[in-house]
């Protein structure tokens, strides 16, 4: 059995990592802190990433019209009924959650750390949106609580990055990973498979690059085409290739083989809103997809890190 799992998976599961670290069930509670993005508000660009929904990829975050404590307690009240005495991580998910003065970040982050059984923060952001002052604050937070900084990369390829309107460079990303790790802050990276016109080789190259960096975890997503996005307009005009479920499974397994076994796999598929999803519809059967990945890894007799260098 692969050693970093509690349920016969062949990759380093988040459940294993949390149970091993905290000896408890740990839940991440998605929140909407009301942030924006530099490629949305005109600082670097307009419109945001072409795949982003109106919520800024925060479909399962809290209600932006409610304060953060209310958002958090709504989720916790449901979870506590099934798993009492669990521990929680407040997850700032929607948009760029360090894109504000540090004084604003403190107003949003600190109250959540005072709640019962909250053992940490997970902050989704961009490599170009963490100032030196913010780094100092994150370093302080990291000494007081369990901290994760989630950096959106999506791809290492400049042509794709320009196409999807990321508005930052790979050099900026690599530099920020280095700065965060110099302060011993855990770094989780988001990537997307199936971006328009990317080949399998390009997707594998993204993972090969990340495997050389000092990262602690990764989230692997399949591209979602969501209604009322620029990506949806592009797809309606061009009908670029969407990965089939079988193609996605094959690529994910090859990516896992390339990743060092100690890198935690925080996510291996996406959770699209069924009401908003255009393609691929096979994503709606999440657990079938996860099971199929497991079965194929057993069939191939492979596991995470088998080809890592």
C-alpha atoms as a PDB file:
ATOM      1  CA  UNK A   1       0.000   0.000   0.000  1.00  0.00           C
ATOM      2  CA  UNK A   2       1.188   3.536  -0.778  1.00  0.00           C
ATOM      3  CA  UNK A   3       2.308   4.926   2.589  1.00  0.00           C
ATOM      4  CA  UNK A   4       0.662   8.384   2.425  1.00  0.00           C
ATOM      5  CA  UNK A   5      -2.941   7.169   2.435  1.00  0.00           C
ATOM      6  CA  UNK A   6      -5.527   5.733   4.793  1.00  0.00           C
ATOM      7  CA  UNK A   7      -7.898   4.359   2.149  1.00  0.00           C
ATOM      8  CA  UNK A   8      -5.774   2.453  -0.365  1.00  0.00           C
ATOM      9  CA  UNK A   9      -5.229   5.405  -2.677  1.00  0.00           C
ATOM     10  CA  UNK A  10      -2.004   5.458  -4.647  1.00  0.00           C
ATOM     11  CA  UNK A  11      -1.328   9.123  -4.095  1.00  0.00           C
ATOM     12  CA  UNK A  12      -0.694  11.349  -1.069  1.00  0.00           C
ATOM     13  CA  UNK A  13      -4.172  12.179   0.155  1.00  0.00           C
ATOM     14  CA  UNK A  14      -5.140  15.312   2.044  1.00  0.00           C
ATOM     15  CA  UNK A  15      -7.130  13.165   4.474  1.00  0.00           C
ATOM     16  CA  UNK A  16      -3.974  11.263   5.373  1.00  0.00           C
ATOM     17  CA  UNK A  17      -1.977  14.464   5.777  1.00  0.00           C
ATOM     18  CA  UNK A  18      -4.514  16.108   8.115  1.00  0.00           C
ATOM     19  CA  UNK A  19      -5.104  12.962  10.187  1.00  0.00           C
ATOM     20  CA  UNK A  20      -1.356  12.464  10.572  1.00  0.00           C
ATOM     21  CA  UNK A  21      -0.706  16.099  11.463  1.00  0.00           C
ATOM     22  CA  UNK A  22      -3.715  16.946  13.646  1.00  0.00           C
ATOM     23  CA  UNK A  23      -4.993  13.499  14.707  1.00  0.00           C
ATOM     24  CA  UNK A  24      -8.492  14.677  13.841  1.00  0.00           C
ATOM     25  CA  UNK A  25     -10.970  15.152  11.039  1.00  0.00           C
ATOM     26  CA  UNK A  26     -10.200  18.535   9.474  1.00  0.00           C
ATOM     27  CA  UNK A  27     -12.527  20.527   7.230  1.00  0.00           C
ATOM     28  CA  UNK A  28     -11.774  23.531   5.078  1.00  0.00           C
ATOM     29  CA  UNK A  29     -14.640  26.018   5.190  1.00  0.00           C
ATOM     30  CA  UNK A  30     -14.831  28.052   1.977  1.00  0.00           C
ATOM     31  CA  UNK A  31     -15.376  31.777   2.494  1.00  0.00           C
ATOM     32  CA  UNK A  32     -15.903  34.816   0.307  1.00  0.00           C
ATOM     33  CA  UNK A  33     -13.951  37.758   1.679  1.00  0.00           C
ATOM     34  CA  UNK A  34     -15.159  40.226  -0.940  1.00  0.00           C
ATOM     35  CA  UNK A  35     -11.773  40.644  -2.628  1.00  0.00           C
ATOM     36  CA  UNK A  36     -11.117  41.516  -6.258  1.00  0.00           C
ATOM     37  CA  UNK A  37      -8.152  40.753  -8.579  1.00  0.00           C
ATOM     38  CA  UNK A  38      -5.481  42.863 -10.307  1.00  0.00           C
ATOM     39  CA  UNK A  39      -6.439  41.412 -13.690  1.00  0.00           C
ATOM     40  CA  UNK A  40     -10.072  42.266 -13.005  1.00  0.00           C
ATOM     41  CA  UNK A  41     -10.012  45.817 -11.666  1.00  0.00           C
ATOM     42  CA  UNK A  42      -7.694  47.303 -14.306  1.00  0.00           C
ATOM     43  CA  UNK A  43      -4.445  47.292 -12.320  1.00  0.00           C
ATOM     44  CA  UNK A  44      -2.988  44.685 -14.686  1.00  0.00           C
ATOM     45  CA  UNK A  45      -5.954  43.848 -16.867  1.00  0.00           C
ATOM     46  CA  UNK A  46      -9.707  43.717 -17.122  1.00  0.00           C
ATOM     47  CA  UNK A  47     -12.264  40.949 -16.961  1.00  0.00           C
ATOM     48  CA  UNK A  48     -10.242  38.473 -14.908  1.00  0.00           C
ATOM     49  CA  UNK A  49      -9.199  35.026 -16.130  1.00  0.00           C
ATOM     50  CA  UNK A  50     -11.386  33.949 -19.025  1.00  0.00           C
ATOM     51  CA  UNK A  51     -12.679  30.855 -17.184  1.00  0.00           C
ATOM     52  CA  UNK A  52     -13.613  32.658 -13.964  1.00  0.00           C
ATOM     53  CA  UNK A  53     -17.271  32.781 -13.032  1.00  0.00           C
ATOM     54  CA  UNK A  54     -18.977  35.830 -11.571  1.00  0.00           C
ATOM     55  CA  UNK A  55     -18.011  34.622  -8.105  1.00  0.00           C
ATOM     56  CA  UNK A  56     -14.312  34.383  -8.967  1.00  0.00           C
ATOM     57  CA  UNK A  57     -14.209  30.597  -8.592  1.00  0.00           C
ATOM     58  CA  UNK A  58     -16.026  30.873  -5.286  1.00  0.00           C
ATOM     59  CA  UNK A  59     -19.185  28.947  -6.169  1.00  0.00           C
ATOM     60  CA  UNK A  60     -19.004  26.968  -2.951  1.00  0.00           C
ATOM     61  CA  UNK A  61     -17.763  29.828  -0.818  1.00  0.00           C
ATOM     62  CA  UNK A  62     -19.966  31.792   1.514  1.00  0.00           C
ATOM     63  CA  UNK A  63     -22.514  34.443   0.685  1.00  0.00           C
ATOM     64  CA  UNK A  64     -20.643  37.677   0.009  1.00  0.00           C
ATOM     65  CA  UNK A  65     -23.541  39.605   1.573  1.00  0.00           C
ATOM     66  CA  UNK A  66     -22.922  37.931   4.945  1.00  0.00           C
ATOM     67  CA  UNK A  67     -20.040  38.630   7.307  1.00  0.00           C
ATOM     68  CA  UNK A  68     -17.270  36.037   7.477  1.00  0.00           C
ATOM     69  CA  UNK A  69     -18.203  34.697  10.908  1.00  0.00           C
ATOM     70  CA  UNK A  70     -21.769  34.042   9.723  1.00  0.00           C
ATOM     71  CA  UNK A  71     -20.470  32.362   6.564  1.00  0.00           C
ATOM     72  CA  UNK A  72     -18.193  30.148   8.638  1.00  0.00           C
ATOM     73  CA  UNK A  73     -20.778  29.175  11.269  1.00  0.00           C
ATOM     74  CA  UNK A  74     -23.345  28.186   8.651  1.00  0.00           C
ATOM     75  CA  UNK A  75     -21.010  25.489   7.357  1.00  0.00           C
ATOM     76  CA  UNK A  76     -19.732  24.487  10.787  1.00  0.00           C
ATOM     77  CA  UNK A  77     -23.234  23.995  12.197  1.00  0.00           C
ATOM     78  CA  UNK A  78     -23.983  21.424   9.495  1.00  0.00           C
ATOM     79  CA  UNK A  79     -20.642  19.643   9.735  1.00  0.00           C
ATOM     80  CA  UNK A  80     -20.683  19.421  13.540  1.00  0.00           C
ATOM     81  CA  UNK A  81     -23.864  17.333  13.430  1.00  0.00           C
ATOM     82  CA  UNK A  82     -22.093  14.586  11.497  1.00  0.00           C
ATOM     83  CA  UNK A  83     -18.529  14.983  12.767  1.00  0.00           C
ATOM     84  CA  UNK A  84     -18.579  16.600  16.216  1.00  0.00           C
ATOM     85  CA  UNK A  85     -15.300  17.893  17.629  1.00  0.00           C
ATOM     86  CA  UNK A  86     -13.767  18.292  14.194  1.00  0.00           C
ATOM     87  CA  UNK A  87     -11.122  20.887  13.506  1.00  0.00           C
ATOM     88  CA  UNK A  88     -11.463  23.613  10.885  1.00  0.00           C
ATOM     89  CA  UNK A  89      -9.407  25.655   8.473  1.00  0.00           C
ATOM     90  CA  UNK A  90     -10.896  28.941   7.258  1.00  0.00           C
ATOM     91  CA  UNK A  91     -10.435  28.929   3.485  1.00  0.00           C
ATOM     92  CA  UNK A  92     -10.454  32.291   1.707  1.00  0.00           C
ATOM     93  CA  UNK A  93     -11.353  30.960  -1.723  1.00  0.00           C
ATOM     94  CA  UNK A  94     -12.953  33.524  -4.035  1.00  0.00           C
ATOM     95  CA  UNK A  95     -10.648  35.754  -6.125  1.00  0.00           C
ATOM     96  CA  UNK A  96      -7.304  37.101  -4.784  1.00  0.00           C
ATOM     97  CA  UNK A  97      -7.289  37.038  -1.004  1.00  0.00           C
ATOM     98  CA  UNK A  98      -4.123  39.017  -0.292  1.00  0.00           C
ATOM     99  CA  UNK A  99      -5.030  41.799  -2.725  1.00  0.00           C
ATOM    100  CA  UNK A 100      -5.667  44.482  -0.109  1.00  0.00           C
ATOM    101  CA  UNK A 101      -3.753  46.500   2.493  1.00  0.00           C
ATOM    102  CA  UNK A 102      -2.499  44.424   5.423  1.00  0.00           C
ATOM    103  CA  UNK A 103      -4.840  46.333   7.736  1.00  0.00           C
ATOM    104  CA  UNK A 104      -7.786  44.972   5.741  1.00  0.00           C
ATOM    105  CA  UNK A 105      -6.356  41.453   5.738  1.00  0.00           C
ATOM    106  CA  UNK A 106      -6.057  41.547   9.523  1.00  0.00           C
ATOM    107  CA  UNK A 107      -9.685  42.633   9.855  1.00  0.00           C
ATOM    108  CA  UNK A 108     -10.756  39.622   7.816  1.00  0.00           C
ATOM    109  CA  UNK A 109      -8.347  36.928   9.008  1.00  0.00           C
ATOM    110  CA  UNK A 110      -7.911  37.524  12.727  1.00  0.00           C
ATOM    111  CA  UNK A 111     -11.527  37.102  13.986  1.00  0.00           C
ATOM    112  CA  UNK A 112     -11.714  33.642  12.426  1.00  0.00           C
ATOM    113  CA  UNK A 113      -8.627  32.478  14.305  1.00  0.00           C
ATOM    114  CA  UNK A 114     -10.439  33.178  17.583  1.00  0.00           C
ATOM    115  CA  UNK A 115     -13.253  30.727  16.822  1.00  0.00           C
ATOM    116  CA  UNK A 116     -13.370  27.364  18.577  1.00  0.00           C
ATOM    117  CA  UNK A 117     -11.558  24.520  16.800  1.00  0.00           C
ATOM    118  CA  UNK A 118     -10.172  26.751  14.027  1.00  0.00           C
ATOM    119  CA  UNK A 119      -6.616  25.540  13.639  1.00  0.00           C
ATOM    120  CA  UNK A 120      -5.550  27.483  10.563  1.00  0.00           C
ATOM    121  CA  UNK A 121      -6.059  29.570   7.461  1.00  0.00           C
ATOM    122  CA  UNK A 122      -5.839  28.712   3.789  1.00  0.00           C
ATOM    123  CA  UNK A 123      -5.470  31.766   1.556  1.00  0.00           C
ATOM    124  CA  UNK A 124      -5.961  31.542  -2.209  1.00  0.00           C
ATOM    125  CA  UNK A 125      -4.078  34.257  -4.061  1.00  0.00           C
ATOM    126  CA  UNK A 126      -1.753  35.177  -6.936  1.00  0.00           C
ATOM    127  CA  UNK A 127       2.024  35.371  -7.018  1.00  0.00           C
ATOM    128  CA  UNK A 128       1.919  39.050  -8.004  1.00  0.00           C
ATOM    129  CA  UNK A 129      -0.403  40.069  -5.162  1.00  0.00           C
ATOM    130  CA  UNK A 130       1.706  39.541  -2.041  1.00  0.00           C
ATOM    131  CA  UNK A 131       3.614  42.634  -0.978  1.00  0.00           C
ATOM    132  CA  UNK A 132       6.669  42.582   1.275  1.00  0.00           C
ATOM    133  CA  UNK A 133       4.485  43.930   4.092  1.00  0.00           C
ATOM    134  CA  UNK A 134       2.029  41.135   3.448  1.00  0.00           C
ATOM    135  CA  UNK A 135       4.851  38.583   3.525  1.00  0.00           C
ATOM    136  CA  UNK A 136       5.847  39.865   6.962  1.00  0.00           C
ATOM    137  CA  UNK A 137       2.265  39.465   8.161  1.00  0.00           C
ATOM    138  CA  UNK A 138       1.973  35.969   6.681  1.00  0.00           C
ATOM    139  CA  UNK A 139       5.209  35.015   8.417  1.00  0.00           C
ATOM    140  CA  UNK A 140       3.730  36.204  11.708  1.00  0.00           C
ATOM    141  CA  UNK A 141       0.513  34.265  11.064  1.00  0.00           C
ATOM    142  CA  UNK A 142       2.523  31.154  10.275  1.00  0.00           C
ATOM    143  CA  UNK A 143       4.072  31.305  13.734  1.00  0.00           C
ATOM    144  CA  UNK A 144       0.655  31.530  15.389  1.00  0.00           C
ATOM    145  CA  UNK A 145      -1.464  29.123  13.356  1.00  0.00           C
ATOM    146  CA  UNK A 146      -1.350  26.526  10.605  1.00  0.00           C
ATOM    147  CA  UNK A 147      -1.083  28.529   7.385  1.00  0.00           C
ATOM    148  CA  UNK A 148      -1.431  27.554   3.743  1.00  0.00           C
ATOM    149  CA  UNK A 149      -0.915  29.970   0.854  1.00  0.00           C
ATOM    150  CA  UNK A 150      -2.529  28.699  -2.331  1.00  0.00           C
ATOM    151  CA  UNK A 151      -0.981  30.142  -5.479  1.00  0.00           C
ATOM    152  CA  UNK A 152      -2.844  29.968  -8.773  1.00  0.00           C
ATOM    153  CA  UNK A 153      -0.494  29.087 -11.612  1.00  0.00           C
ATOM    154  CA  UNK A 154      -2.683  27.019 -13.987  1.00  0.00           C
ATOM    155  CA  UNK A 155       0.096  26.549 -16.569  1.00  0.00           C
ATOM    156  CA  UNK A 156       3.786  27.311 -17.061  1.00  0.00           C
ATOM    157  CA  UNK A 157       3.263  28.157 -20.737  1.00  0.00           C
ATOM    158  CA  UNK A 158       3.314  31.848 -21.612  1.00  0.00           C
ATOM    159  CA  UNK A 159       1.126  31.455 -24.699  1.00  0.00           C
ATOM    160  CA  UNK A 160      -1.650  29.852 -22.661  1.00  0.00           C
ATOM    161  CA  UNK A 161      -1.197  32.250 -19.772  1.00  0.00           C
ATOM    162  CA  UNK A 162      -1.680  35.187 -22.146  1.00  0.00           C
ATOM    163  CA  UNK A 163      -4.710  33.525 -23.711  1.00  0.00           C
ATOM    164  CA  UNK A 164      -6.451  33.029 -20.380  1.00  0.00           C
ATOM    165  CA  UNK A 165      -5.529  36.565 -19.182  1.00  0.00           C
ATOM    166  CA  UNK A 166      -3.482  35.589 -16.135  1.00  0.00           C
ATOM    167  CA  UNK A 167      -1.412  38.801 -16.359  1.00  0.00           C
ATOM    168  CA  UNK A 168       1.570  37.472 -14.416  1.00  0.00           C
ATOM    169  CA  UNK A 169       4.727  35.619 -15.402  1.00  0.00           C
ATOM    170  CA  UNK A 170       6.213  32.265 -14.470  1.00  0.00           C
ATOM    171  CA  UNK A 171       9.224  34.150 -13.109  1.00  0.00           C
ATOM    172  CA  UNK A 172       6.949  36.036 -10.693  1.00  0.00           C
ATOM    173  CA  UNK A 173       5.403  32.755  -9.598  1.00  0.00           C
ATOM    174  CA  UNK A 174       8.735  31.005  -9.013  1.00  0.00           C
ATOM    175  CA  UNK A 175      10.053  34.020  -7.128  1.00  0.00           C
ATOM    176  CA  UNK A 176       7.030  34.101  -4.799  1.00  0.00           C
ATOM    177  CA  UNK A 177       7.286  30.385  -4.056  1.00  0.00           C
ATOM    178  CA  UNK A 178      10.895  31.001  -3.024  1.00  0.00           C
ATOM    179  CA  UNK A 179       9.965  33.981  -0.826  1.00  0.00           C
ATOM    180  CA  UNK A 180       7.195  32.065   0.936  1.00  0.00           C
ATOM    181  CA  UNK A 181       9.378  29.036   1.544  1.00  0.00           C
ATOM    182  CA  UNK A 182      12.179  31.202   2.930  1.00  0.00           C
ATOM    183  CA  UNK A 183       9.652  32.063   5.644  1.00  0.00           C
ATOM    184  CA  UNK A 184       8.644  28.406   6.048  1.00  0.00           C
ATOM    185  CA  UNK A 185       5.115  29.012   4.739  1.00  0.00           C
ATOM    186  CA  UNK A 186       3.306  26.054   3.151  1.00  0.00           C
ATOM    187  CA  UNK A 187       2.651  26.553  -0.571  1.00  0.00           C
ATOM    188  CA  UNK A 188      -0.123  24.817  -2.499  1.00  0.00           C
ATOM    189  CA  UNK A 189      -0.286  25.304  -6.283  1.00  0.00           C
ATOM    190  CA  UNK A 190      -3.358  25.257  -8.537  1.00  0.00           C
ATOM    191  CA  UNK A 191      -3.062  23.923 -12.083  1.00  0.00           C
ATOM    192  CA  UNK A 192      -5.687  23.338 -14.780  1.00  0.00           C
ATOM    193  CA  UNK A 193      -5.705  20.497 -17.280  1.00  0.00           C
ATOM    194  CA  UNK A 194      -7.449  20.941 -20.615  1.00  0.00           C
ATOM    195  CA  UNK A 195      -6.765  24.631 -21.131  1.00  0.00           C
ATOM    196  CA  UNK A 196      -7.477  25.657 -24.760  1.00  0.00           C
ATOM    197  CA  UNK A 197      -4.962  24.276 -27.269  1.00  0.00           C
ATOM    198  CA  UNK A 198      -2.635  22.758 -24.663  1.00  0.00           C
ATOM    199  CA  UNK A 199      -1.235  19.333 -25.486  1.00  0.00           C
ATOM    200  CA  UNK A 200      -0.671  16.477 -23.072  1.00  0.00           C
ATOM    201  CA  UNK A 201       3.059  17.224 -23.211  1.00  0.00           C
ATOM    202  CA  UNK A 202       2.422  20.826 -22.150  1.00  0.00           C
ATOM    203  CA  UNK A 203       0.332  19.700 -19.167  1.00  0.00           C
ATOM    204  CA  UNK A 204       3.026  17.256 -18.097  1.00  0.00           C
ATOM    205  CA  UNK A 205       5.686  19.957 -18.471  1.00  0.00           C
ATOM    206  CA  UNK A 206       3.770  22.124 -15.992  1.00  0.00           C
ATOM    207  CA  UNK A 207       3.966  19.345 -13.394  1.00  0.00           C
ATOM    208  CA  UNK A 208       7.624  18.622 -14.181  1.00  0.00           C
ATOM    209  CA  UNK A 209       8.408  22.263 -13.446  1.00  0.00           C
ATOM    210  CA  UNK A 210       6.474  22.261 -10.184  1.00  0.00           C
ATOM    211  CA  UNK A 211       8.172  19.075  -9.046  1.00  0.00           C
ATOM    212  CA  UNK A 212      11.479  20.982  -9.066  1.00  0.00           C
ATOM    213  CA  UNK A 213      10.109  23.628  -6.696  1.00  0.00           C
ATOM    214  CA  UNK A 214       9.771  23.507  -2.925  1.00  0.00           C
ATOM    215  CA  UNK A 215       5.990  23.139  -2.845  1.00  0.00           C
ATOM    216  CA  UNK A 216       3.995  21.198  -0.267  1.00  0.00           C
ATOM    217  CA  UNK A 217       0.836  20.442  -2.202  1.00  0.00           C
ATOM    218  CA  UNK A 218      -1.035  20.719  -5.473  1.00  0.00           C
ATOM    219  CA  UNK A 219      -4.608  21.063  -6.691  1.00  0.00           C
ATOM    220  CA  UNK A 220      -5.288  19.541 -10.091  1.00  0.00           C
ATOM    221  CA  UNK A 221      -8.397  20.864 -11.836  1.00  0.00           C
ATOM    222  CA  UNK A 222     -10.117  20.021 -15.098  1.00  0.00           C
ATOM    223  CA  UNK A 223     -11.072  23.090 -17.110  1.00  0.00           C
ATOM    224  CA  UNK A 224     -14.697  24.085 -16.480  1.00  0.00           C
ATOM    225  CA  UNK A 225     -16.547  25.973 -19.170  1.00  0.00           C
ATOM    226  CA  UNK A 226     -19.035  28.055 -17.204  1.00  0.00           C
ATOM    227  CA  UNK A 227     -21.938  30.053 -18.564  1.00  0.00           C
ATOM    228  CA  UNK A 228     -21.479  33.803 -19.087  1.00  0.00           C
ATOM    229  CA  UNK A 229     -17.672  33.699 -19.222  1.00  0.00           C
ATOM    230  CA  UNK A 230     -15.231  34.728 -21.931  1.00  0.00           C
ATOM    231  CA  UNK A 231     -14.182  31.095 -22.135  1.00  0.00           C
ATOM    232  CA  UNK A 232     -17.764  30.102 -22.931  1.00  0.00           C
ATOM    233  CA  UNK A 233     -17.838  32.673 -25.753  1.00  0.00           C
ATOM    234  CA  UNK A 234     -14.545  31.289 -27.102  1.00  0.00           C
ATOM    235  CA  UNK A 235     -15.828  27.716 -26.955  1.00  0.00           C
ATOM    236  CA  UNK A 236     -19.098  28.588 -28.679  1.00  0.00           C
ATOM    237  CA  UNK A 237     -17.160  30.159 -31.554  1.00  0.00           C
ATOM    238  CA  UNK A 238     -14.267  27.718 -31.858  1.00  0.00           C
ATOM    239  CA  UNK A 239     -15.310  24.432 -30.214  1.00  0.00           C
ATOM    240  CA  UNK A 240     -11.707  23.729 -29.137  1.00  0.00           C
ATOM    241  CA  UNK A 241     -11.043  20.196 -27.891  1.00  0.00           C
ATOM    242  CA  UNK A 242     -12.360  19.318 -24.433  1.00  0.00           C
ATOM    243  CA  UNK A 243     -10.580  16.444 -22.752  1.00  0.00           C
ATOM    244  CA  UNK A 244     -12.629  13.284 -22.508  1.00  0.00           C
ATOM    245  CA  UNK A 245     -12.870  11.604 -19.124  1.00  0.00           C
ATOM    246  CA  UNK A 246     -10.466   8.909 -20.324  1.00  0.00           C
ATOM    247  CA  UNK A 247      -7.941  11.493 -21.546  1.00  0.00           C
ATOM    248  CA  UNK A 248      -8.155  13.372 -18.251  1.00  0.00           C
ATOM    249  CA  UNK A 249      -7.631  10.212 -16.199  1.00  0.00           C
ATOM    250  CA  UNK A 250      -4.600   9.268 -18.299  1.00  0.00           C
ATOM    251  CA  UNK A 251      -3.018  12.728 -17.943  1.00  0.00           C
ATOM    252  CA  UNK A 252      -3.687  12.977 -14.191  1.00  0.00           C
ATOM    253  CA  UNK A 253      -2.080   9.599 -13.560  1.00  0.00           C
ATOM    254  CA  UNK A 254       0.979  10.589 -15.588  1.00  0.00           C
ATOM    255  CA  UNK A 255       1.167  13.839 -13.594  1.00  0.00           C
ATOM    256  CA  UNK A 256       0.951  11.970 -10.293  1.00  0.00           C
ATOM    257  CA  UNK A 257       3.750   9.657 -11.397  1.00  0.00           C
ATOM    258  CA  UNK A 258       5.961  12.719 -11.937  1.00  0.00           C
ATOM    259  CA  UNK A 259       5.267  14.347  -8.558  1.00  0.00           C
ATOM    260  CA  UNK A 260       7.398  13.637  -5.499  1.00  0.00           C
ATOM    261  CA  UNK A 261       5.500  11.371  -3.124  1.00  0.00           C
ATOM    262  CA  UNK A 262       5.662  13.870  -0.240  1.00  0.00           C
ATOM    263  CA  UNK A 263       3.661  16.481  -2.196  1.00  0.00           C
ATOM    264  CA  UNK A 264       0.088  16.390  -0.878  1.00  0.00           C
ATOM    265  CA  UNK A 265      -2.675  16.060  -3.472  1.00  0.00           C
ATOM    266  CA  UNK A 266      -5.282  18.513  -2.198  1.00  0.00           C
ATOM    267  CA  UNK A 267      -7.579  18.076  -5.171  1.00  0.00           C
ATOM    268  CA  UNK A 268      -7.662  15.876  -8.230  1.00  0.00           C
ATOM    269  CA  UNK A 269     -10.807  17.151  -9.943  1.00  0.00           C
ATOM    270  CA  UNK A 270     -13.099  20.153  -9.933  1.00  0.00           C
ATOM    271  CA  UNK A 271     -16.523  20.762  -8.352  1.00  0.00           C
ATOM    272  CA  UNK A 272     -18.513  22.702 -10.944  1.00  0.00           C
ATOM    273  CA  UNK A 273     -21.931  24.164 -10.276  1.00  0.00           C
ATOM    274  CA  UNK A 274     -24.321  21.910 -12.253  1.00  0.00           C
ATOM    275  CA  UNK A 275     -26.565  24.862 -13.084  1.00  0.00           C
ATOM    276  CA  UNK A 276     -23.699  26.835 -14.622  1.00  0.00           C
ATOM    277  CA  UNK A 277     -21.558  24.144 -16.273  1.00  0.00           C
ATOM    278  CA  UNK A 278     -21.494  23.896 -20.070  1.00  0.00           C
ATOM    279  CA  UNK A 279     -18.682  21.349 -20.495  1.00  0.00           C
ATOM    280  CA  UNK A 280     -17.400  18.785 -19.648  1.00  0.00           C
ATOM    281  CA  UNK A 281     -20.545  17.214 -18.202  1.00  0.00           C
ATOM    282  CA  UNK A 282     -18.634  14.135 -17.049  1.00  0.00           C
ATOM    283  CA  UNK A 283     -17.249  16.284 -14.229  1.00  0.00           C
ATOM    284  CA  UNK A 284     -20.650  16.149 -12.550  1.00  0.00           C
ATOM    285  CA  UNK A 285     -20.020  12.528 -11.537  1.00  0.00           C
ATOM    286  CA  UNK A 286     -17.139  13.373  -9.238  1.00  0.00           C
ATOM    287  CA  UNK A 287     -16.974  10.164  -7.235  1.00  0.00           C
ATOM    288  CA  UNK A 288     -17.171   8.023 -10.355  1.00  0.00           C
ATOM    289  CA  UNK A 289     -14.200   9.956 -11.728  1.00  0.00           C
ATOM    290  CA  UNK A 290     -12.210   9.515  -8.513  1.00  0.00           C
ATOM    291  CA  UNK A 291     -12.982   5.803  -8.472  1.00  0.00           C
ATOM    292  CA  UNK A 292     -11.970   5.455 -12.108  1.00  0.00           C
ATOM    293  CA  UNK A 293      -8.623   7.133 -11.381  1.00  0.00           C
ATOM    294  CA  UNK A 294      -8.055   4.690  -8.516  1.00  0.00           C
ATOM    295  CA  UNK A 295      -8.985   1.679 -10.642  1.00  0.00           C
ATOM    296  CA  UNK A 296      -6.724   2.750 -13.496  1.00  0.00           C
ATOM    297  CA  UNK A 297      -3.779   3.278 -11.152  1.00  0.00           C
ATOM    298  CA  UNK A 298      -4.271  -0.240  -9.809  1.00  0.00           C
ATOM    299  CA  UNK A 299      -4.566  -1.592 -13.349  1.00  0.00           C
ATOM    300  CA  UNK A 300      -1.286   0.093 -14.304  1.00  0.00           C
ATOM    301  CA  UNK A 301       0.301  -0.876 -10.980  1.00  0.00           C
ATOM    302  CA  UNK A 302       1.531   2.694 -10.570  1.00  0.00           C
ATOM    303  CA  UNK A 303       1.599   5.317  -7.830  1.00  0.00           C
ATOM    304  CA  UNK A 304       2.583   8.902  -7.114  1.00  0.00           C
ATOM    305  CA  UNK A 305       6.275   9.591  -7.547  1.00  0.00           C
ATOM    306  CA  UNK A 306       7.212   6.465  -9.450  1.00  0.00           C
ATOM    307  CA  UNK A 307       8.765   8.616 -12.196  1.00  0.00           C
ATOM    308  CA  UNK A 308       9.739  11.618 -10.082  1.00  0.00           C
ATOM    309  CA  UNK A 309      13.260  12.941 -10.412  1.00  0.00           C
END
